[in-house]
Protein backbone atom coordinates (compact mmCIF):
# COMPACT_ATOMS: atom_id res chain seq x y z
CA MET A 1 0.00 0.00 0.00
CA LYS A 2 0.93 3.63 -0.48
CA ILE A 3 0.49 5.46 2.83
CA ALA A 4 0.77 9.20 3.46
CA PHE A 5 1.32 9.82 7.16
CA ILE A 6 0.29 13.42 7.90
CA THR A 7 1.41 14.66 11.30
CA PRO A 8 2.17 17.93 13.14
CA GLU A 9 5.38 16.46 14.61
CA ALA A 10 7.75 13.54 14.18
CA TYR A 11 10.95 12.38 15.86
CA PRO A 12 13.80 13.11 15.25
CA PHE A 13 12.80 16.30 13.44
CA ILE A 14 10.66 17.86 16.18
CA LYS A 15 8.93 16.49 19.26
CA THR A 16 6.68 17.57 22.12
CA GLY A 17 5.16 14.21 23.05
CA GLY A 18 4.42 10.60 22.18
CA LEU A 19 2.86 11.40 18.80
CA ALA A 20 6.32 12.29 17.48
CA ASP A 21 7.58 8.82 18.44
CA VAL A 22 4.61 7.17 16.72
CA ALA A 23 5.12 9.27 13.59
CA TYR A 24 8.69 8.02 13.41
CA ALA A 25 8.30 4.38 14.35
CA LEU A 26 5.03 3.39 12.63
CA PRO A 27 5.94 4.56 9.10
CA LYS A 28 9.35 2.93 9.53
CA ALA A 29 7.71 -0.36 10.53
CA LEU A 30 5.24 -0.12 7.64
CA ALA A 31 8.11 0.44 5.21
CA LYS A 32 9.82 -2.62 6.66
CA HIS A 33 6.63 -4.56 5.83
CA GLY A 34 6.95 -3.54 2.19
CA HIS A 35 4.63 -0.51 2.12
CA ASP A 36 5.50 2.83 0.54
CA ALA A 37 5.09 5.12 3.55
CA ARG A 38 5.73 8.87 3.28
CA LEU A 39 5.79 11.45 6.08
CA ILE A 40 4.43 15.01 5.75
CA LEU A 41 4.84 17.67 8.45
CA PRO A 42 5.33 21.44 8.77
CA ARG A 43 8.81 22.89 8.53
CA TYR A 44 8.90 24.68 11.85
CA TYR A 45 11.71 27.14 12.44
CA ALA A 46 13.19 24.71 14.99
CA ILE A 47 13.73 22.00 12.34
CA ASP A 48 17.28 22.34 11.06
CA LYS A 49 17.14 21.60 7.34
CA ASN A 50 20.90 21.11 7.13
CA ALA A 51 20.98 18.63 10.01
CA PHE A 52 18.54 16.37 8.18
CA ASN A 53 19.92 16.95 4.66
CA ALA A 54 16.60 18.41 3.54
CA ARG A 55 16.68 19.61 -0.05
CA MET A 56 14.21 22.09 -1.49
CA LEU A 57 12.04 20.70 -4.26
CA PRO A 58 12.08 22.84 -7.39
CA ASP A 59 8.46 23.96 -7.67
CA PRO A 60 6.58 26.11 -5.14
CA LEU A 61 3.39 24.67 -3.72
CA GLY A 62 0.13 26.54 -4.28
CA VAL A 63 -2.35 26.08 -1.43
CA PRO A 64 -5.97 27.31 -1.71
CA HIS A 65 -6.67 29.14 1.52
CA GLY A 66 -9.17 31.72 2.70
CA GLY A 67 -9.99 34.20 -0.04
CA GLY A 68 -7.31 33.02 -2.42
CA GLU A 69 -4.10 31.01 -2.58
CA LYS A 70 -0.91 30.97 -0.55
CA TRP A 71 2.43 29.66 -1.68
CA ALA A 72 4.78 27.41 0.22
CA ALA A 73 8.11 25.71 -0.28
CA MET A 74 8.55 21.98 0.09
CA PHE A 75 11.61 20.10 1.29
CA GLU A 76 12.49 16.42 1.17
CA SER A 77 14.65 14.46 3.59
CA ARG A 78 15.76 10.82 3.51
CA HIS A 79 16.96 10.92 7.11
CA ILE A 80 14.58 8.16 8.26
CA PRO A 81 15.67 5.02 6.39
CA GLY A 82 12.98 3.86 3.97
CA VAL A 83 10.60 6.73 4.79
CA PRO A 84 10.83 9.84 2.58
CA SER A 85 9.89 12.85 4.70
CA TYR A 86 8.45 16.10 3.35
CA PHE A 87 8.29 19.48 5.06
CA ILE A 88 5.85 22.27 4.18
CA GLU A 89 7.60 25.61 4.70
CA HIS A 90 5.63 28.83 5.11
CA ASP A 91 7.34 31.50 7.17
CA MET A 92 4.19 33.33 8.23
CA TYR A 93 2.70 30.18 9.78
CA PHE A 94 5.69 28.10 10.84
CA GLY A 95 8.66 30.48 10.92
CA ARG A 96 8.46 31.00 14.68
CA ASP A 97 10.17 29.46 17.69
CA GLY A 98 7.25 27.44 19.07
CA MET A 99 5.18 24.74 17.43
CA TYR A 100 1.78 25.38 18.96
CA GLY A 101 2.47 28.35 21.22
CA ASN A 102 4.97 30.20 23.36
CA ALA A 103 5.37 31.24 26.98
CA TYR A 104 2.21 33.33 26.74
CA GLY A 105 -0.01 30.46 25.58
CA GLU A 106 -1.24 28.94 22.33
CA TYR A 107 -0.83 30.96 19.16
CA PRO A 108 -4.08 32.80 18.39
CA ASP A 109 -3.86 31.83 14.71
CA ASN A 110 -3.49 28.07 15.27
CA ALA A 111 -6.75 27.38 13.43
CA GLU A 112 -5.52 29.27 10.37
CA ARG A 113 -2.07 27.64 10.56
CA PHE A 114 -3.29 24.06 10.64
CA ILE A 115 -6.12 24.58 8.16
CA PHE A 116 -3.35 25.69 5.83
CA PHE A 117 -1.15 22.69 6.65
CA SER A 118 -4.00 20.18 6.27
CA ARG A 119 -4.80 21.54 2.81
CA ALA A 120 -1.12 21.84 1.88
CA ALA A 121 -0.49 18.17 2.74
CA LEU A 122 -2.98 17.05 0.07
CA GLN A 123 -1.59 19.54 -2.43
CA ALA A 124 1.88 18.17 -1.71
CA LEU A 125 0.78 14.63 -2.54
CA LYS A 126 -0.43 15.81 -5.93
CA ALA A 127 2.78 17.77 -6.55
CA LEU A 128 4.79 14.65 -5.71
CA HIS A 129 2.56 12.48 -7.93
CA PHE A 130 2.19 10.22 -4.90
CA MET A 131 -1.31 8.73 -5.19
CA PRO A 132 -1.95 7.21 -1.74
CA ASP A 133 -4.17 4.32 -0.85
CA ILE A 134 -4.34 5.76 2.68
CA ILE A 135 -3.94 9.18 4.21
CA HIS A 136 -3.30 8.64 7.90
CA CYS A 137 -4.02 11.82 9.87
CA ASN A 138 -3.07 12.45 13.48
CA ASP A 139 -4.80 14.59 16.10
CA TRP A 140 -6.72 17.81 15.53
CA GLN A 141 -3.89 19.59 13.72
CA THR A 142 -4.33 17.34 10.66
CA ALA A 143 -8.02 16.40 10.97
CA LEU A 144 -9.08 18.85 8.27
CA SER A 145 -7.17 16.78 5.68
CA VAL A 146 -9.84 14.11 6.13
CA ILE A 147 -12.61 16.61 5.39
CA PHE A 148 -10.79 18.18 2.46
CA LEU A 149 -10.38 14.70 0.98
CA LYS A 150 -14.10 13.94 1.31
CA LYS A 151 -15.52 17.35 0.36
CA ILE A 152 -13.15 19.36 -1.82
CA HIS A 153 -11.52 16.37 -3.52
CA ALA A 154 -14.71 14.29 -3.71
CA ASN A 155 -14.58 14.15 -7.52
CA ASP A 156 -10.83 14.40 -7.94
CA PRO A 157 -9.62 11.33 -9.89
CA PHE A 158 -6.22 11.61 -8.20
CA PHE A 159 -7.77 10.66 -4.84
CA ALA A 160 -10.50 8.36 -6.21
CA GLY A 161 -9.02 5.32 -4.50
CA THR A 162 -7.79 7.03 -1.32
CA ALA A 163 -9.25 6.15 2.08
CA SER A 164 -8.67 8.10 5.28
CA VAL A 165 -7.67 7.01 8.78
CA MET A 166 -7.91 9.41 11.72
CA SER A 167 -5.81 8.65 14.81
CA VAL A 168 -6.76 10.20 18.15
CA HIS A 169 -3.69 10.26 20.37
CA ASN A 170 -5.22 12.42 23.09
CA ALA A 171 -8.87 13.51 23.03
CA GLY A 172 -8.12 16.17 25.62
CA TYR A 173 -6.89 18.34 22.72
CA GLN A 174 -9.61 18.79 20.09
CA GLY A 175 -8.84 21.98 18.18
CA VAL A 176 -11.86 24.10 19.11
CA PHE A 177 -11.94 27.52 17.43
CA GLY A 178 -14.29 30.34 16.49
CA ARG A 179 -16.72 29.93 13.60
CA GLU A 180 -15.01 32.74 11.67
CA ASN A 181 -12.15 30.34 10.87
CA LEU A 182 -14.43 28.39 8.53
CA PHE A 183 -13.50 31.09 5.99
CA PHE A 184 -9.95 29.74 5.71
CA THR A 185 -11.17 26.23 4.86
CA GLN A 186 -13.08 27.31 1.72
CA LEU A 187 -15.78 24.87 2.83
CA GLY A 188 -19.43 25.83 2.71
CA ASP A 189 -21.70 26.78 5.58
CA ASP A 190 -23.22 23.29 5.32
CA MET A 191 -20.17 22.11 7.27
CA PHE A 192 -21.22 24.22 10.24
CA THR A 193 -23.78 21.66 11.42
CA THR A 194 -23.91 18.98 14.10
CA GLY A 195 -23.03 16.46 11.37
CA GLY A 196 -19.95 18.47 10.49
CA LEU A 197 -17.59 20.79 12.33
CA GLU A 198 -20.10 22.62 14.54
CA PHE A 199 -19.52 22.20 18.26
CA PHE A 200 -21.50 24.36 20.70
CA GLY A 201 -21.30 27.32 18.34
CA HIS A 202 -17.62 26.76 17.52
CA LEU A 203 -15.57 24.64 15.12
CA ASN A 204 -14.16 21.36 16.41
CA PHE A 205 -11.46 20.05 14.10
CA LEU A 206 -11.08 16.67 15.80
CA LYS A 207 -14.83 16.04 15.67
CA GLY A 208 -14.82 16.67 11.91
CA GLY A 209 -11.96 14.28 11.34
CA ILE A 210 -13.66 11.57 13.39
CA LEU A 211 -16.99 11.93 11.58
CA PHE A 212 -15.58 11.93 8.05
CA ALA A 213 -12.75 9.37 8.33
CA ASP A 214 -13.18 5.92 6.84
CA ALA A 215 -11.64 4.46 10.01
CA VAL A 216 -10.70 5.96 13.37
CA THR A 217 -8.06 4.65 15.73
CA THR A 218 -6.84 5.45 19.18
CA VAL A 219 -3.85 4.15 21.04
CA SER A 220 -5.20 1.42 23.33
CA GLY A 221 -8.25 -0.77 23.70
CA LYS A 222 -9.02 0.58 27.17
CA TYR A 223 -8.79 4.19 26.00
CA ALA A 224 -11.15 3.43 23.09
CA ARG A 225 -13.73 2.25 25.60
CA GLU A 226 -13.05 5.19 27.91
CA LEU A 227 -13.61 7.69 25.11
CA THR A 228 -17.27 6.66 24.91
CA THR A 229 -17.72 7.98 28.47
CA ARG A 230 -18.00 11.64 29.38
CA GLU A 231 -15.11 11.46 31.87
CA PHE A 232 -12.61 10.72 29.10
CA GLY A 233 -14.40 11.59 25.85
CA TYR A 234 -15.79 14.87 27.17
CA ASP A 235 -18.47 16.29 24.86
CA LEU A 236 -17.32 13.97 22.06
CA ALA A 237 -18.30 10.81 23.96
CA GLY A 238 -21.48 10.48 21.88
CA VAL A 239 -19.52 10.92 18.65
CA PHE A 240 -17.18 8.09 19.64
CA LYS A 241 -20.19 5.90 20.41
CA ASP A 242 -21.69 6.65 17.00
CA ILE A 243 -18.60 5.41 15.13
CA GLU A 244 -18.25 2.17 17.07
CA GLY A 245 -18.21 0.04 13.92
CA ARG A 246 -15.16 1.82 12.51
CA PHE A 247 -13.33 2.69 15.72
CA TYR A 248 -10.26 0.67 16.73
CA GLY A 249 -7.98 0.68 19.76
CA ILE A 250 -4.41 -0.19 18.74
CA PRO A 251 -1.67 0.02 21.39
CA ASN A 252 1.49 1.80 20.35
CA GLY A 253 4.62 -0.23 19.96
CA VAL A 254 8.10 0.27 21.36
CA ASP A 255 11.13 0.96 19.19
CA TYR A 256 13.37 -1.70 20.70
CA ASP A 257 16.25 -0.54 18.52
CA LYS A 258 16.36 2.46 20.87
CA TRP A 259 14.80 1.12 24.06
CA ASP A 260 16.54 -2.11 25.01
CA PRO A 261 19.12 -2.24 27.82
CA ALA A 262 21.02 -4.96 25.99
CA ARG A 263 21.94 -2.54 23.18
CA ASP A 264 21.22 0.95 24.51
CA THR A 265 24.06 3.26 23.48
CA LEU A 266 23.08 6.00 25.96
CA ILE A 267 23.78 4.00 29.13
CA SER A 268 27.25 3.03 30.28
CA ALA A 269 26.47 -0.54 31.36
CA ARG A 270 24.24 -2.77 29.28
CA TYR A 271 22.31 -5.68 30.72
CA SER A 272 19.70 -8.33 29.92
CA PRO A 273 17.47 -10.78 31.82
CA ASP A 274 20.36 -13.27 31.77
CA ASP A 275 22.88 -10.81 33.18
CA MET A 276 21.49 -8.03 35.37
CA ALA A 277 24.78 -6.78 36.81
CA GLY A 278 24.72 -3.73 34.54
CA LYS A 279 21.49 -2.45 36.09
CA ASP A 280 23.22 -1.83 39.43
CA LEU A 281 25.91 0.14 37.60
CA CYS A 282 23.22 2.15 35.80
CA LYS A 283 21.64 2.95 39.16
CA ILE A 284 24.95 4.35 40.41
CA GLN A 285 25.42 6.25 37.15
CA LEU A 286 21.95 7.80 37.37
CA GLN A 287 22.43 8.99 40.94
CA ARG A 288 25.77 10.57 40.11
CA ALA A 289 24.30 12.24 37.01
CA MET A 290 21.53 13.72 39.17
CA GLY A 291 23.91 14.91 41.90
CA LEU A 292 22.98 12.27 44.49
CA ASP A 293 25.49 10.19 46.43
CA PRO A 294 25.12 6.59 45.24
CA GLU A 295 23.12 4.44 47.63
CA PRO A 296 22.52 1.12 45.84
CA PRO A 297 20.51 -0.65 48.59
CA ALA A 298 17.89 2.11 48.84
CA PRO A 299 14.97 1.86 46.38
CA LEU A 300 15.21 4.53 43.67
CA LEU A 301 11.95 5.91 42.28
CA GLY A 302 11.97 7.63 38.89
CA SER A 303 9.52 9.60 36.79
CA ILE A 304 9.70 11.14 33.31
CA SER A 305 6.65 13.18 32.47
CA ARG A 306 5.05 16.41 31.48
CA ILE A 307 4.52 18.13 34.81
CA THR A 308 0.78 18.61 34.36
CA TYR A 309 -2.58 17.92 35.94
CA GLN A 310 -3.36 15.28 33.28
CA LYS A 311 -0.27 13.32 34.27
CA GLY A 312 -1.29 13.36 37.96
CA MET A 313 1.87 15.21 38.89
CA ASP A 314 0.01 17.35 41.43
CA VAL A 315 -0.98 14.22 43.37
CA LEU A 316 2.54 12.79 43.09
CA ALA A 317 3.98 16.02 44.52
CA GLU A 318 1.47 15.78 47.35
CA THR A 319 2.27 12.12 48.06
CA MET A 320 6.06 12.05 47.91
CA PRO A 321 6.71 13.81 51.26
CA TYR A 322 4.91 10.95 53.01
CA ILE A 323 6.76 8.30 51.01
CA LEU A 324 10.14 9.89 51.71
CA SER A 325 9.31 10.32 55.39
CA ASP A 326 8.22 6.71 55.82
CA THR A 327 10.88 4.91 53.71
CA ASN A 328 14.56 5.23 52.82
CA CYS A 329 13.81 5.65 49.10
CA ARG A 330 15.23 8.23 46.73
CA PHE A 331 13.36 10.04 43.97
CA VAL A 332 14.37 11.55 40.62
CA ILE A 333 12.16 13.29 38.08
CA LEU A 334 12.65 14.72 34.59
CA GLY A 335 10.09 16.86 32.79
CA GLN A 336 8.64 20.25 32.02
CA GLY A 337 5.23 21.83 32.37
CA ASP A 338 3.11 23.59 34.97
CA GLU A 339 5.18 26.02 37.03
CA ALA A 340 2.89 25.73 40.06
CA ILE A 341 3.40 21.96 40.23
CA ILE A 342 7.12 22.34 39.54
CA ARG A 343 7.37 24.64 42.57
CA ARG A 344 5.86 21.87 44.71
CA PHE A 345 8.61 19.51 43.61
CA GLU A 346 11.18 22.22 44.30
CA ASN A 347 9.77 22.42 47.84
CA LEU A 348 10.09 18.64 48.09
CA LYS A 349 13.79 18.90 47.24
CA GLU A 350 14.25 21.53 49.95
CA MET A 351 12.68 19.12 52.45
CA PHE A 352 14.85 16.16 51.32
CA PRO A 353 17.91 17.71 49.61
CA HIS A 354 20.04 14.56 49.66
CA ARG A 355 17.31 12.18 48.48
CA VAL A 356 15.47 14.11 45.76
CA ALA A 357 16.86 15.21 42.39
CA LEU A 358 15.03 17.28 39.79
CA ARG A 359 15.77 18.12 36.16
CA TRP A 360 13.46 20.38 34.17
CA GLY A 361 13.38 20.18 30.39
CA PHE A 362 13.90 17.45 27.80
CA ASP A 363 17.03 15.30 27.91
CA GLU A 364 17.12 12.14 25.79
CA ARG A 365 20.19 10.66 27.46
CA LEU A 366 18.85 11.30 30.95
CA SER A 367 15.56 9.64 29.95
CA HIS A 368 17.50 6.46 29.21
CA LEU A 369 19.45 6.76 32.47
CA ILE A 370 16.24 7.08 34.49
CA GLU A 371 14.67 4.09 32.78
CA SER A 372 17.75 1.94 33.30
CA GLY A 373 18.84 3.17 36.72
CA SER A 374 15.54 3.40 38.60
CA ASP A 375 14.05 0.48 40.51
CA ILE A 376 10.47 1.76 40.35
CA PHE A 377 8.83 4.02 37.77
CA VAL A 378 5.80 6.12 38.80
CA MET A 379 3.04 7.11 36.29
CA PRO A 380 -0.04 8.34 38.18
CA SER A 381 -1.89 9.75 35.14
CA ARG A 382 -5.47 10.94 35.39
CA TYR A 383 -5.82 9.54 31.90
CA GLU A 384 -3.22 8.02 29.61
CA PRO A 385 -4.32 7.08 26.09
CA CYS A 386 -1.43 4.64 25.65
CA GLY A 387 1.76 5.64 27.40
CA LEU A 388 5.22 4.57 26.33
CA ASN A 389 7.32 5.04 29.44
CA GLN A 390 5.63 2.19 31.28
CA MET A 391 6.55 -0.11 28.38
CA TYR A 392 10.11 1.23 28.29
CA SER A 393 10.29 0.60 32.05
CA LEU A 394 9.18 -3.01 31.68
CA LYS A 395 11.96 -3.70 29.18
CA TYR A 396 14.52 -2.15 31.55
CA GLY A 397 13.34 -4.14 34.57
CA THR A 398 12.14 -0.93 36.21
CA ILE A 399 8.81 -1.78 37.81
CA PRO A 400 5.91 0.56 36.97
CA VAL A 401 3.43 1.93 39.50
CA VAL A 402 0.50 3.24 37.45
CA ARG A 403 -3.08 4.32 37.65
CA ALA A 404 -5.36 1.74 35.98
CA THR A 405 -6.41 3.89 33.04
CA GLY A 406 -6.06 3.69 29.26
CA GLY A 407 -2.93 2.00 27.97
CA LEU A 408 -1.49 1.79 31.49
CA ASP A 409 -4.26 -0.62 32.44
CA ASP A 410 -3.82 -2.59 29.21
CA THR A 411 -0.07 -3.13 29.60
CA ILE A 412 0.47 -3.45 33.36
CA GLU A 413 -0.70 -6.56 35.20
CA GLN A 414 -0.95 -6.33 38.99
CA TRP A 415 1.74 -8.27 40.86
CA ASP A 416 0.38 -11.28 42.73
CA ALA A 417 2.83 -12.73 45.24
CA THR A 418 0.79 -15.93 45.63
CA THR A 419 1.02 -16.91 41.96
CA GLY A 420 4.20 -15.03 41.06
CA THR A 421 2.38 -13.34 38.17
CA GLY A 422 2.15 -9.71 37.16
CA ASN A 423 4.62 -7.07 35.98
CA GLY A 424 3.82 -4.01 38.10
CA PHE A 425 1.45 -2.25 40.46
CA LYS A 426 -1.87 -0.52 39.74
CA PHE A 427 -4.33 1.60 41.66
CA ASP A 428 -7.83 2.72 40.66
CA ASN A 429 -8.47 6.20 42.01
CA LEU A 430 -6.02 9.07 41.80
CA THR A 431 -5.88 10.02 45.46
CA ARG A 432 -2.92 10.54 47.76
CA LYS A 433 -4.00 7.52 49.80
CA GLU A 434 -4.18 5.07 46.87
CA LEU A 435 -0.97 6.33 45.26
CA TYR A 436 0.82 6.09 48.61
CA GLN A 437 -0.40 2.53 49.14
CA ALA A 438 0.68 1.44 45.65
CA ILE A 439 4.19 2.91 46.00
CA ARG A 440 4.58 1.44 49.50
CA HIS A 441 3.50 -1.96 48.16
CA ALA A 442 6.16 -1.74 45.44
CA ILE A 443 8.85 -0.75 47.97
CA LYS A 444 7.86 -3.63 50.25
CA VAL A 445 8.23 -6.14 47.41
CA PHE A 446 11.56 -4.53 46.48
CA THR A 447 12.93 -5.53 49.89
CA ASN A 448 12.12 -9.20 49.12
CA THR A 449 15.00 -10.12 46.83
CA ASP A 450 13.47 -13.36 45.52
CA ALA A 451 10.04 -11.88 44.82
CA TRP A 452 11.59 -8.84 43.15
CA ALA A 453 13.67 -11.04 40.86
CA ILE A 454 10.54 -12.87 39.71
CA LEU A 455 8.62 -9.62 39.23
CA ARG A 456 11.48 -8.08 37.29
CA GLY A 457 11.73 -11.16 35.07
CA ASN A 458 8.01 -10.92 34.31
CA ALA A 459 8.39 -7.25 33.41
CA MET A 460 11.32 -7.78 31.06
CA ALA A 461 9.44 -10.56 29.25
CA PHE A 462 6.81 -8.07 28.06
CA SER A 463 7.05 -7.11 24.40
CA ARG A 464 5.01 -4.87 22.13
CA SER A 465 7.02 -4.02 19.04
CA TRP A 466 6.13 -1.68 16.22
CA ASP A 467 6.22 -4.68 13.90
CA GLU A 468 3.24 -6.05 15.84
CA ALA A 469 1.49 -2.68 15.79
CA ALA A 470 2.07 -2.34 12.04
CA VAL A 471 0.16 -5.59 11.43
CA ASP A 472 -2.79 -4.18 13.38
CA TYR A 473 -2.69 -0.97 11.34
CA GLU A 474 -2.60 -2.95 8.10
CA ASP A 475 -5.91 -4.50 9.14
CA VAL A 476 -7.36 -1.04 9.83
CA TYR A 477 -6.14 0.26 6.47
CA ARG A 478 -7.86 -2.62 4.69
CA ALA A 479 -11.06 -1.91 6.63
CA ALA A 480 -10.84 1.78 5.70
CA LEU A 481 -10.47 0.90 2.01
CA ARG A 482 -13.53 -1.36 2.22
CA ASN A 483 -15.51 1.44 3.86
CA ARG A 484 -14.38 3.86 1.18
CA GLN A 485 -15.37 1.53 -1.61
CA ALA A 486 -18.78 0.93 -0.02
CA GLU A 487 -19.68 4.65 -0.13
């Protein structure tokens, strides 16, 4: 199949979250399976064209937009093996430091920017003479491509055989904007209805993509079920219920070329289930890197996360003083986000200066050190569509403590000392009491060397590769093509 993967971000070019990892690993896995997968994303100012050997294509790209047409440049990179990657460059929309916003908040013209990109992506396919079987769109920033395909290109022979797949990576971000932005789409007022983009008097880009796609996916089976409830699907819960027959939950995979302690190039001591000596060395290395005196016998808790309400970081900051007071554990955290929550962790470090280490920002090497050097990994998310860090942790023998939601619930099985089964610890309600109990349970098992060895072996046996995920997506693509042909 020919697959155009349209995304607002992709590793290694630019990344704010897990979508970028998916946009890198899934097309690469599809190409490995023999498909012709192409990547299309904006050329943000932060993407260094020289670093990725991106060459400008000779012809400018005309993009119908608003009351006329705008022109863009297009670049091609072969940096990802087997996956040609194309960048849409337009200085007015993407020639700025941030992707979606800056320190003052989201950019006020985000609707206009991503309407332009969604239309430009389809124009780019025509300019490249790449006639896709599938356009695979991701999150609200690209959802309009689905609608443009169905409405503006309805009678275009170039796209006559093209089906659309819409992936929802996080329904908490829907792209809700004022009605006046319909002007930029060049769509008619008939799209401003409950069966189109209308959403409580506004436009909802994600809703439109969901309604018009030939198939819709999200990133775990549990999250797919959760999205049909108001707690997780918000005001789109009914929309998710209505598309049940073409809605699929597919867990993300792990890129084990990058995330495997037996071959990880970013840690100093490699290890495997057959030889775990390197993990103790990684624990020492992590503590030194974070400015802590090495203390191998003490349990080391780690977390890598956006420091936000969604990730439950407020409850973790509230819980950790009690954990540190009642145990001899140490705690390290890497992330960026809400300044108010960050200040609470800073206060925690002041209370326990020799046992708490903080690092704010993004650091790829330190992420690998935390995964390899921690004993326990804490992910107390309020909701987590899929989650990758808990799967990384399993591979590294770092035992996850998670809230039983979304992909966390799908991938983590509660430890049972009686049967010796399970790969981590789960709790149901995000309260200080339940999080405290789950972490204390994990620390108690850590002190039992034999039980911990069994638990760690169970964790490291878990596998969910992108090759497996690619097979699931192939099934969805075939279903989307059948739905398209049945129209």
